Each structure stands twice: as C-alpha cells, then as structure tokens.
C-alpha cells in the first residue's frame, strides 16, 4: 500500500494525506498531479506493509519525495 502526502515546505505539522493506492505508478501520478502548480509544497510517497511498531504506529518507508 502506498500513501501520498502533501506537505508545506519542511513543516511536519502540515503533512496531509491525499490518498492511498495499491499501485506505485498510480501513487506517483497522483503525487505529481497534487504538486503541479504549487510552490513551497512537496509530496511524500510512503510504502506501508501493514506492520505496526511497539507504540501502535503503522511502519512506513518513504519511497519518493518531490517539490513543486
């Protein structure tokens, strides 16, 4: 599962989930679509495998990032 986020610059608290996708290519298409025409924003694509850490948080790996 891939999750696409939109974030304002490097401000961690502005990270907003855009969508979840089963296919990497679909996730990247959506990420590029969301960032198009926006300056000062970046997209983050994370891959999850359904595992949780000891705190109950979903374990995710960043597989792509880009800026607009």
Protein backbone atom coordinates (compact mmCIF):
# COMPACT_ATOMS: atom_id res chain seq x y z
CA UNK A 1 0.00 0.00 0.00
CA UNK A 2 1.29 3.45 -0.90
CA UNK A 3 0.21 6.65 0.82
CA UNK A 4 0.59 10.08 -0.80
CA UNK A 5 1.01 13.17 1.37
CA UNK A 6 1.17 16.90 0.61
CA UNK A 7 3.37 18.99 2.92
CA UNK A 8 4.12 22.71 3.08
CA UNK A 9 7.91 23.03 2.85
CA UNK A 10 9.57 21.24 5.75
CA UNK A 11 6.77 21.92 8.23
CA UNK A 12 5.97 18.46 9.62
CA UNK A 13 2.63 19.56 11.09
CA UNK A 14 1.27 20.50 7.64
CA UNK A 15 1.54 16.91 6.29
CA UNK A 16 -1.86 16.00 4.79
CA UNK A 17 -2.90 12.60 3.46
CA UNK A 18 -4.02 12.86 -0.18
CA UNK A 19 -4.81 9.22 -0.83
CA UNK A 20 -3.88 5.54 -0.57
CA UNK A 21 -3.04 3.41 -3.59
CA UNK A 22 -2.17 -0.23 -4.23
CA UNK A 23 -0.05 0.58 -7.27
CA UNK A 24 3.18 2.63 -7.13
CA UNK A 25 2.58 4.21 -10.54
CA UNK A 26 -0.90 5.39 -9.54
CA UNK A 27 0.54 6.89 -6.34
CA UNK A 28 3.24 8.75 -8.27
CA UNK A 29 0.72 10.05 -10.82
CA UNK A 30 -1.46 11.42 -8.01
CA UNK A 31 1.56 12.92 -6.21
CA UNK A 32 2.68 14.76 -9.34
CA UNK A 33 -0.89 15.92 -10.01
CA UNK A 34 -1.28 17.30 -6.48
CA UNK A 35 2.01 19.23 -6.52
CA UNK A 36 1.55 20.67 -10.01
CA UNK A 37 1.50 24.46 -9.96
CA UNK A 38 2.17 24.77 -6.23
CA UNK A 39 5.33 26.43 -4.98
CA UNK A 40 6.59 25.88 -1.46
CA UNK A 41 4.94 22.47 -1.20
CA UNK A 42 6.27 18.96 -1.58
CA UNK A 43 4.82 15.50 -1.94
CA UNK A 44 5.84 12.42 0.02
CA UNK A 45 5.05 8.85 -1.03
CA UNK A 46 5.31 6.24 1.71
CA UNK A 47 5.05 2.47 1.40
CA UNK A 48 3.41 0.50 4.21
CA UNK A 49 3.37 -3.24 4.70
CA UNK A 50 0.74 -3.45 7.42
CA UNK A 51 3.21 -3.85 10.32
CA UNK A 52 2.96 -1.80 13.49
CA UNK A 53 5.72 -0.80 15.91
CA UNK A 54 5.56 -1.28 19.68
CA UNK A 55 3.76 2.08 20.03
CA UNK A 56 0.95 1.01 17.69
CA UNK A 57 2.10 3.27 14.84
CA UNK A 58 2.00 1.97 11.28
CA UNK A 59 5.52 1.37 9.96
CA UNK A 60 6.08 3.30 6.70
CA UNK A 61 9.06 3.79 4.43
CA UNK A 62 9.47 6.92 2.29
CA UNK A 63 9.92 5.78 -1.31
CA UNK A 64 9.65 9.15 -3.11
CA UNK A 65 9.68 12.88 -2.42
CA UNK A 66 9.41 15.87 -4.70
CA UNK A 67 8.94 19.62 -4.59
CA UNK A 68 6.75 21.92 -6.56
